[in-house]
Amino acid sequence: HNGDVAKVSTDPPIENNLRDRPSTESPITGKLEPGEVVNIVGGPECMNVYVWWHVVSRSSGREGWTAEGDWNEYWLIRVQQ
């Protein structure tokens, strides 16, 4: 939810795509590294069978939409502040 803090999962250690809109058809504008911590600034939006969150990286300042996960695993994990 807005104001929450999350991090990119390290299991598996795969980058999360950042997109300019919450859709797999939207261009990739950057990547979030495994373990990277983000502030959630918008969402959730449901599109293309994914739940999307608008995030800002705490380390790089990169901003965009990233998918929370799929039916089998979470790629974005909420952390306690």
Protein backbone atom coordinates (compact mmCIF):
# COMPACT_ATOMS: atom_id res chain seq x y z
CA HIS A 1 0.00 0.00 0.00
CA ASN A 2 1.03 3.61 -0.40
CA GLY A 3 3.75 4.45 2.10
CA ASP A 4 4.86 0.83 2.56
CA VAL A 5 8.43 -0.29 2.04
CA ALA A 6 9.30 -3.41 0.05
CA LYS A 7 12.35 -5.14 -1.33
CA VAL A 8 13.03 -7.19 -4.41
CA SER A 9 13.21 -10.89 -3.55
CA THR A 10 16.65 -12.49 -3.42
CA ASP A 11 15.17 -15.99 -3.84
CA PRO A 12 15.45 -16.38 -6.76
CA PRO A 13 17.98 -13.55 -7.30
CA ILE A 14 16.38 -12.11 -10.43
CA GLU A 15 16.00 -8.43 -11.35
CA ASN A 16 12.51 -6.91 -11.43
CA ASN A 17 11.61 -4.89 -14.51
CA LEU A 18 10.48 -1.30 -14.08
CA ARG A 19 7.92 -0.02 -16.58
CA ASP A 20 6.33 3.35 -17.20
CA ARG A 21 2.81 1.90 -16.87
CA PRO A 22 1.40 -1.18 -15.09
CA SER A 23 1.40 -3.48 -18.11
CA THR A 24 3.65 -6.10 -19.69
CA GLU A 25 3.14 -4.19 -22.95
CA SER A 26 4.60 -1.01 -21.47
CA PRO A 27 8.29 -0.36 -22.27
CA ILE A 28 10.90 -1.42 -19.70
CA THR A 29 12.47 1.74 -18.28
CA GLY A 30 14.92 0.14 -15.84
CA LYS A 31 15.64 -2.72 -13.48
CA LEU A 32 15.53 -3.28 -9.73
CA GLU A 33 18.29 -5.49 -8.34
CA PRO A 34 17.63 -8.42 -5.96
CA GLY A 35 17.49 -7.04 -2.41
CA GLU A 36 16.91 -3.45 -3.59
CA VAL A 37 14.60 -1.54 -1.23
CA VAL A 38 11.75 0.56 -2.65
CA ASN A 39 9.07 2.92 -1.39
CA ILE A 40 5.59 2.10 -2.66
CA VAL A 41 4.03 5.30 -3.99
CA GLY A 42 1.04 3.93 -5.91
CA GLY A 43 -1.05 0.92 -6.74
CA PRO A 44 -2.10 -1.72 -6.68
CA GLU A 45 -3.17 -2.04 -10.31
CA CYS A 46 -4.19 -5.37 -11.83
CA MET A 47 -3.16 -5.90 -15.46
CA ASN A 48 -1.95 -8.87 -17.55
CA VAL A 49 -2.63 -11.28 -14.62
CA TYR A 50 -0.14 -9.39 -12.41
CA VAL A 51 -0.57 -7.04 -9.46
CA TRP A 52 1.55 -3.93 -10.09
CA TRP A 53 2.99 -1.38 -7.67
CA HIS A 54 4.34 2.07 -8.46
CA VAL A 55 7.70 2.22 -6.67
CA VAL A 56 10.71 4.47 -6.12
CA SER A 57 14.09 2.89 -5.36
CA ARG A 58 15.65 4.13 -2.13
CA SER A 59 19.18 3.62 -3.48
CA SER A 60 18.99 4.78 -7.10
CA GLY A 61 15.86 6.96 -7.20
CA ARG A 62 14.56 4.96 -10.19
CA GLU A 63 10.78 5.12 -10.42
CA GLY A 64 8.24 2.99 -12.23
CA TRP A 65 5.77 0.14 -12.06
CA THR A 66 6.87 -3.37 -11.09
CA ALA A 67 4.96 -6.64 -10.76
CA GLU A 68 4.46 -8.16 -7.31
CA GLY A 69 4.87 -11.78 -8.46
CA ASP A 70 3.13 -14.62 -10.20
CA TRP A 71 1.02 -17.60 -9.12
CA ASN A 72 4.07 -19.37 -7.64
CA GLU A 73 6.20 -16.72 -5.92
CA TYR A 74 6.49 -13.14 -4.79
CA TRP A 75 9.12 -10.92 -6.43
CA LEU A 76 8.36 -7.90 -4.26
CA ILE A 77 8.24 -8.46 -0.50
CA ARG A 78 6.89 -6.01 2.08
CA VAL A 79 9.37 -5.17 4.84
CA GLN A 80 8.81 -3.70 8.27
CA GLN A 81 9.81 -0.06 8.58
